Protein backbone atom coordinates (compact mmCIF):
# COMPACT_ATOMS: atom_id res chain seq x y z
CA MET A 1 -7.62 -34.21 18.07
CA ILE A 2 -10.23 -35.34 15.56
CA GLU A 3 -13.44 -33.41 15.01
CA VAL A 4 -16.20 -35.41 13.33
CA ASN A 5 -18.80 -33.34 11.52
CA LEU A 6 -22.01 -35.36 11.75
CA LEU A 7 -23.87 -32.72 9.76
CA ASN A 8 -21.60 -33.45 6.81
CA LEU A 9 -22.17 -37.17 7.37
CA LYS A 10 -25.92 -36.57 7.12
CA LYS A 11 -25.43 -34.57 3.89
CA ASN A 12 -23.42 -37.44 2.44
CA VAL A 13 -26.13 -39.95 3.33
CA GLU A 14 -28.70 -37.72 1.63
CA THR A 15 -26.53 -37.50 -1.50
CA ILE A 16 -26.12 -41.28 -1.71
CA ARG A 17 -29.84 -41.80 -1.18
CA LYS A 18 -30.54 -39.88 -4.37
CA THR A 19 -29.82 -43.17 -6.13
CA SER A 20 -33.20 -44.34 -4.73
CA LYS A 21 -31.53 -47.47 -3.36
CA GLY A 22 -31.18 -48.69 0.18
CA LEU A 23 -27.92 -47.80 1.91
CA ILE A 24 -25.63 -50.16 3.77
CA GLY A 25 -23.44 -47.94 5.93
CA VAL A 26 -19.86 -49.19 6.10
CA VAL A 27 -18.43 -48.51 9.57
CA LYS A 28 -15.50 -50.94 9.53
CA ASN A 29 -12.05 -49.87 10.78
CA ASP A 30 -13.57 -47.65 13.45
CA ALA A 31 -15.79 -45.92 10.85
CA TYR A 32 -12.72 -44.91 8.86
CA GLY A 33 -11.19 -43.38 11.97
CA CYS A 34 -14.31 -41.39 12.88
CA GLY A 35 -15.53 -43.67 15.69
CA ILE A 36 -17.60 -46.80 15.07
CA VAL A 37 -19.95 -46.43 18.05
CA GLU A 38 -20.75 -42.76 17.59
CA VAL A 39 -20.99 -42.90 13.79
CA GLY A 40 -22.87 -46.21 13.77
CA ASN A 41 -25.49 -44.96 16.20
CA TYR A 42 -25.84 -41.66 14.36
CA LEU A 43 -26.37 -43.43 11.03
CA VAL A 44 -29.14 -45.48 12.61
CA GLU A 45 -30.60 -42.31 14.13
CA ILE A 46 -30.90 -40.70 10.68
CA GLY A 47 -32.47 -43.77 9.15
CA VAL A 48 -29.69 -46.02 7.84
CA SER A 49 -31.11 -49.48 8.44
CA TYR A 50 -28.12 -51.72 7.67
CA LEU A 51 -24.47 -51.53 8.74
CA LEU A 52 -21.33 -53.37 7.65
CA VAL A 53 -18.25 -54.21 9.74
CA ASN A 54 -15.20 -56.39 9.24
CA ASP A 55 -15.61 -58.88 12.07
CA ILE A 56 -17.25 -59.83 15.34
CA ASP A 57 -15.02 -57.55 17.44
CA GLU A 58 -16.31 -54.51 15.56
CA ALA A 59 -19.88 -55.81 15.64
CA LEU A 60 -19.78 -56.25 19.41
CA LYS A 61 -18.92 -52.59 19.87
CA LEU A 62 -22.11 -51.70 18.01
CA VAL A 63 -24.50 -54.19 19.60
CA ASN A 64 -23.17 -53.45 23.08
CA SER A 65 -23.92 -49.76 22.44
CA GLY A 66 -27.52 -50.62 21.61
CA VAL A 67 -27.54 -50.92 17.81
CA LYS A 68 -30.45 -53.15 16.75
CA VAL A 69 -30.33 -52.90 12.94
CA PRO A 70 -28.78 -55.76 10.93
CA ILE A 71 -24.97 -55.77 10.96
CA LEU A 72 -23.19 -57.61 8.14
CA LEU A 73 -19.90 -59.26 9.18
CA PHE A 74 -17.88 -58.91 5.98
CA ASN A 75 -15.24 -61.49 6.97
CA GLY A 76 -17.75 -64.00 8.27
CA LEU A 77 -17.59 -65.66 11.68
CA ASN A 78 -15.20 -68.16 13.28
CA ARG A 79 -16.57 -71.25 14.97
CA ASP A 80 -15.48 -70.05 18.42
CA ASP A 81 -17.78 -67.06 17.99
CA TYR A 82 -20.95 -68.81 16.78
CA HIS A 83 -22.47 -68.44 20.26
CA TYR A 84 -22.90 -64.70 19.65
CA LEU A 85 -25.64 -65.54 17.15
CA ASN A 86 -27.88 -66.61 20.05
CA LYS A 87 -27.43 -63.34 21.92
CA TYR A 88 -27.44 -60.96 18.94
CA PRO A 89 -29.94 -62.04 16.25
CA ASN A 90 -29.20 -58.89 14.20
CA LEU A 91 -25.77 -60.25 13.24
CA VAL A 92 -25.64 -61.23 9.55
CA ILE A 93 -22.89 -63.59 8.41
CA SER A 94 -21.14 -63.18 5.07
CA ILE A 95 -20.89 -66.64 3.53
CA ASN A 96 -17.76 -66.82 1.41
CA SER A 97 -17.71 -70.54 0.61
CA TYR A 98 -19.77 -73.69 0.80
CA MET A 99 -17.62 -74.84 3.72
CA ASN A 100 -18.47 -71.64 5.62
CA LEU A 101 -22.13 -72.54 5.64
CA LEU A 102 -21.59 -76.26 6.20
CA ASP A 103 -19.55 -75.51 9.31
CA LEU A 104 -22.26 -73.18 10.60
CA VAL A 105 -25.12 -75.63 10.20
CA THR A 106 -22.98 -78.42 11.66
CA HIS A 107 -21.75 -76.60 14.75
CA PHE A 108 -24.56 -74.13 15.50
CA ASN A 109 -28.06 -75.29 16.34
CA GLY A 110 -30.08 -72.10 16.19
CA GLU A 111 -31.43 -69.95 13.39
CA PHE A 112 -29.15 -67.40 11.75
CA THR A 113 -29.06 -64.91 8.89
CA ILE A 114 -26.58 -64.82 6.01
CA GLN A 115 -25.63 -62.90 2.91
CA ILE A 116 -23.79 -64.68 0.10
CA GLN A 117 -20.64 -63.06 -1.23
CA ILE A 118 -19.71 -63.73 -4.86
CA ASP A 119 -16.13 -63.19 -6.04
CA THR A 120 -16.21 -61.76 -9.56
CA ALA A 121 -12.59 -60.55 -9.96
CA LEU A 122 -10.87 -59.59 -6.69
CA ASN A 123 -9.85 -63.14 -5.75
CA ARG A 124 -10.13 -62.03 -2.15
CA SER A 125 -13.20 -63.71 -0.66
CA GLY A 126 -16.45 -65.11 -1.91
CA ILE A 127 -17.69 -67.91 -4.14
CA LYS A 128 -16.46 -67.90 -7.73
CA ASP A 129 -17.43 -71.38 -8.87
CA MET A 130 -20.97 -72.10 -10.07
CA THR A 131 -20.87 -75.72 -8.94
CA GLU A 132 -19.94 -74.64 -5.43
CA TYR A 133 -22.70 -72.01 -5.56
CA ASP A 134 -25.29 -74.59 -6.61
CA ASP A 135 -24.22 -76.84 -3.75
CA LEU A 136 -24.55 -73.89 -1.40
CA LEU A 137 -28.11 -73.19 -2.57
CA LYS A 138 -29.02 -76.85 -2.05
CA LEU A 139 -27.69 -76.71 1.49
CA ILE A 140 -29.68 -73.53 2.15
CA ASP A 141 -32.86 -75.22 0.87
CA LYS A 142 -32.19 -78.23 3.09
CA GLU A 143 -31.61 -76.17 6.24
CA ASN A 144 -34.71 -74.13 7.10
CA ARG A 145 -32.76 -72.53 9.97
CA VAL A 146 -30.85 -70.43 7.43
CA ARG A 147 -32.35 -67.05 6.55
CA VAL A 148 -30.87 -65.49 3.40
CA ASP A 149 -30.87 -61.69 3.53
CA GLY A 150 -29.08 -61.08 0.26
CA ILE A 151 -26.27 -61.56 -2.21
CA PHE A 152 -23.40 -59.24 -3.11
CA THR A 153 -20.10 -58.77 -4.88
CA HIS A 154 -17.36 -56.16 -4.75
CA PHE A 155 -16.03 -54.31 -7.79
CA ALA A 156 -12.27 -54.03 -8.19
CA ASN A 157 -12.62 -50.58 -9.81
CA PRO A 158 -15.14 -48.69 -11.98
CA LYS A 159 -13.52 -49.85 -15.24
CA MET A 160 -13.88 -53.50 -14.32
CA ALA A 161 -17.38 -53.08 -12.94
CA VAL A 162 -19.20 -53.78 -16.21
CA SER A 163 -17.58 -57.17 -16.78
CA GLN A 164 -17.86 -58.06 -13.09
CA LEU A 165 -21.54 -57.17 -13.11
CA GLU A 166 -22.25 -59.56 -15.97
CA GLU A 167 -20.56 -62.35 -14.00
CA PHE A 168 -22.47 -61.41 -10.84
CA LYS A 169 -25.82 -61.56 -12.66
CA LYS A 170 -25.26 -65.24 -13.44
CA TYR A 171 -25.42 -65.95 -9.72
CA VAL A 172 -28.18 -63.52 -8.86
CA ASN A 173 -30.47 -64.87 -11.56
CA LYS A 174 -30.52 -68.32 -9.96
CA ARG A 175 -33.25 -67.18 -7.51
CA GLU A 176 -34.95 -64.21 -5.87
CA PHE A 177 -33.03 -62.27 -3.19
CA LYS A 178 -34.35 -59.65 -0.79
CA MET A 179 -31.14 -57.63 -1.07
CA VAL A 180 -28.79 -57.38 -4.04
CA HIS A 181 -25.79 -55.05 -3.83
CA CYS A 182 -22.58 -54.61 -5.77
CA SER A 183 -21.90 -50.86 -5.96
CA ALA A 184 -19.67 -49.21 -3.37
CA SER A 185 -18.35 -45.65 -3.04
CA SER A 186 -16.67 -45.53 -6.45
CA THR A 187 -19.66 -46.91 -8.35
CA TYR A 188 -22.85 -46.13 -6.41
CA ASP A 189 -23.79 -43.42 -8.92
CA LEU A 190 -22.42 -45.26 -11.99
CA ILE A 191 -23.88 -48.76 -11.86
CA ASP A 192 -27.66 -49.02 -11.66
CA TYR A 193 -28.13 -52.60 -10.53
CA GLY A 194 -29.49 -54.12 -7.35
CA ASN A 195 -31.62 -52.48 -4.69
CA PHE A 196 -28.91 -51.48 -2.20
CA VAL A 197 -25.56 -49.68 -2.36
CA ARG A 198 -22.74 -50.30 0.09
CA CYS A 199 -20.80 -47.12 0.86
CA GLY A 200 -17.83 -46.38 3.10
CA LEU A 201 -15.53 -43.65 1.78
CA ALA A 202 -18.40 -41.72 0.19
CA LEU A 203 -20.05 -41.49 3.61
CA TYR A 204 -17.03 -39.68 5.00
CA ASN A 205 -15.62 -37.89 1.98
CA ILE A 206 -18.29 -36.41 -0.33
CA ASN A 207 -18.35 -33.61 2.20
CA GLN A 208 -15.34 -34.30 4.41
CA VAL A 209 -16.46 -35.50 7.83
CA MET A 210 -13.04 -35.67 9.54
CA ARG A 211 -11.13 -32.59 10.70
CA VAL A 212 -7.76 -33.07 12.43
CA VAL A 213 -6.80 -29.99 14.43
CA SER A 214 -4.31 -28.74 16.99
CA LYS A 215 -3.02 -25.52 18.49
CA PRO A 216 0.74 -24.83 18.71
CA LEU A 217 2.68 -26.35 21.56
CA VAL A 218 5.21 -23.54 21.26
CA ILE A 219 6.26 -20.85 18.78
CA ARG A 220 10.02 -20.48 18.32
CA ASP A 221 12.27 -17.89 16.74
CA VAL A 222 14.92 -19.67 14.68
CA LYS A 223 18.02 -17.83 13.58
CA LYS A 224 19.59 -17.98 10.13
CA GLY A 225 21.85 -21.04 9.90
CA GLU A 226 20.14 -23.00 12.69
CA THR A 227 18.72 -26.44 11.97
CA ILE A 228 15.32 -27.80 12.89
CA GLY A 229 14.38 -31.30 14.03
CA TYR A 230 16.08 -34.67 13.83
CA ASN A 231 19.09 -35.06 11.55
CA GLY A 232 19.20 -31.31 10.85
CA LEU A 233 17.35 -31.83 7.59
CA TYR A 234 16.11 -28.24 7.49
CA ARG A 235 18.51 -25.31 7.88
CA ALA A 236 17.09 -21.79 8.07
CA SER A 237 18.31 -19.57 5.23
CA GLU A 238 17.09 -16.51 7.16
CA ASP A 239 15.58 -15.69 10.54
CA ILE A 240 12.20 -17.45 10.74
CA LYS A 241 9.32 -18.25 13.09
CA VAL A 242 8.29 -21.87 13.61
CA ALA A 243 5.19 -23.32 15.27
CA VAL A 244 5.65 -26.73 16.86
CA ILE A 245 2.40 -28.70 16.57
CA PRO A 246 1.94 -31.70 18.94
CA ILE A 247 0.94 -34.20 16.24
CA GLY A 248 3.27 -36.57 14.37
CA TYR A 249 3.61 -39.94 12.71
CA GLY A 250 2.57 -41.57 15.99
CA ASN A 251 -0.87 -40.08 15.31
CA GLY A 252 -0.86 -41.08 11.64
CA TYR A 253 0.62 -37.90 10.13
CA ARG A 254 3.03 -39.55 7.73
CA LEU A 255 6.76 -38.82 7.62
CA LYS A 256 6.59 -38.06 3.91
CA LEU A 257 4.18 -35.17 4.52
CA SER A 258 7.18 -32.95 5.28
CA GLY A 259 7.02 -30.23 2.62
CA PHE A 260 3.23 -30.36 2.51
CA ASN A 261 0.91 -27.72 3.98
CA VAL A 262 -1.29 -27.23 7.00
CA TYR A 263 -4.04 -24.61 7.25
CA THR A 264 -4.88 -21.88 9.74
CA ASN A 265 -6.28 -18.35 9.77
CA GLY A 266 -7.33 -18.63 6.13
CA ASN A 267 -3.80 -19.43 4.91
CA TYR A 268 -1.66 -22.46 4.11
CA TYR A 269 1.67 -22.93 5.89
CA LYS A 270 4.49 -25.31 5.00
CA VAL A 271 5.59 -28.24 7.14
CA ILE A 272 9.41 -28.22 7.40
CA GLY A 273 12.07 -30.50 8.80
CA GLN A 274 11.71 -34.16 9.72
CA ILE A 275 8.34 -35.06 11.19
CA CYS A 276 8.66 -36.49 14.70
CA MET A 277 6.56 -39.17 16.37
CA ASN A 278 4.52 -36.54 18.20
CA HIS A 279 5.50 -33.18 16.64
CA ILE A 280 5.69 -31.33 13.36
CA PHE A 281 7.37 -28.01 12.53
CA VAL A 282 5.46 -25.37 10.59
CA LEU A 283 6.99 -22.28 8.97
CA ILE A 284 4.73 -19.39 10.03
CA ASP A 285 4.38 -15.61 9.93
CA ASP A 286 3.33 -12.96 12.42
CA TYR A 287 -0.36 -13.66 11.83
CA VAL A 288 -0.06 -16.96 13.71
CA ASP A 289 -0.16 -17.08 17.50
CA MET A 290 -0.69 -19.63 20.25
CA ASN A 291 -4.46 -19.51 19.75
CA SER A 292 -4.29 -20.33 16.05
CA VAL A 293 -6.03 -23.61 15.22
CA PHE A 294 -4.06 -25.64 12.68
CA GLU A 295 -5.93 -28.02 10.40
CA LEU A 296 -3.95 -31.03 9.20
CA THR A 297 -6.89 -32.25 7.17
CA SER A 298 -10.34 -30.71 6.81
CA GLU A 299 -12.69 -29.36 4.18
CA ASN A 300 -9.99 -26.71 3.61
CA LEU A 301 -7.27 -29.35 3.22
CA ARG A 302 -8.98 -32.48 2.01
CA ALA A 303 -7.78 -35.98 2.69
CA ASP A 304 -7.68 -36.44 -1.09
CA SER A 305 -4.93 -33.82 -1.35
CA LEU A 306 -2.84 -35.55 1.34
CA ALA A 307 -3.28 -38.83 -0.53
CA ASP A 308 -2.24 -37.25 -3.83
CA TYR A 309 0.88 -35.76 -2.23
CA LEU A 310 1.84 -39.12 -0.76
CA GLY A 311 0.88 -41.16 -3.80
CA THR A 312 -1.50 -43.28 -1.75
CA SER A 313 -5.26 -43.71 -1.33
CA THR A 314 -7.68 -41.50 0.56
CA TYR A 315 -8.73 -44.60 2.52
CA GLU A 316 -5.25 -44.80 4.01
CA ILE A 317 -5.33 -41.17 5.11
CA TYR A 318 -8.58 -41.60 7.03
CA THR A 319 -7.70 -44.85 8.71
CA ASN A 320 -4.16 -43.79 9.66
CA PHE A 321 -5.24 -40.93 11.93
CA HIS A 322 -5.81 -41.91 15.55
CA PHE A 323 -6.18 -39.86 18.71
CA ASP A 324 -7.54 -40.48 22.18
CA LYS A 325 -9.95 -37.57 21.81
CA ARG A 326 -12.74 -37.04 19.28
CA VAL A 327 -15.32 -34.27 19.26
CA TYR A 328 -18.63 -34.75 17.46
CA ILE A 329 -20.38 -31.81 15.85
CA LYS A 330 -24.14 -31.93 15.15
């Protein structure tokens, strides 16, 4: 199961707030696997006044749980979903093109709130043409139903941030904005521009919030020469003890983590054999028993180290893990 340490989440919020900027809490992708409803509500409880999600489906989980603070829909909103703006006035639409806004004012009659996304290098979403931007501002001025909350861009990486920032400023300087944000988890403490920062990974990873744990399903004695798991990829060179842990790639524990470690009783133990959909095999000693709690990732075995071993990103580690049960620690 996943344990979510909300005390660590609070510490991370406090660390980010040392920048003296407002914080937009990123809770997309189920709050990086930690639970969008529980994490979103807790962030609001401790004073985070703005949240960010990918789309309307994620936003609905928050508003239906009672979240009243503004929620920025990073991917914008499809025409079929405009009607939600009547019911949930705290939804904020990311405008990624002139046509986005034109469609909204054409097919939705009420008032609504937007933030303007500027594309400064990613070529993913957002406006990157000044003529289009000027046309957008004219449309905003024409339509008094449109409330503009802010303007933002997204840095590709810290090295590119300086050049991207100079491009972003060209757009920001066109008029006054209530909110200006460009720095995310990798740059919130490096780039001092704007009055908000937009953090996801830093919320969950400065002090690691997620802990994936399990007790053994069974402990087996394996004789010298016997094989373990599918395809007999591991053959015991001596008599050994193996703990079978009921977590596998079906829960997001990647196949290539065979050979990596798990943690219990103050020690690290090696994962052996081929990882199954719902099981892994761990080479243990006599200090491990059926009550030993194995940590697959935790503050003792950080998600960063799993990512390094796999040659992937920490983001992927967090969002890969999924279980029916989560426990929240305050």
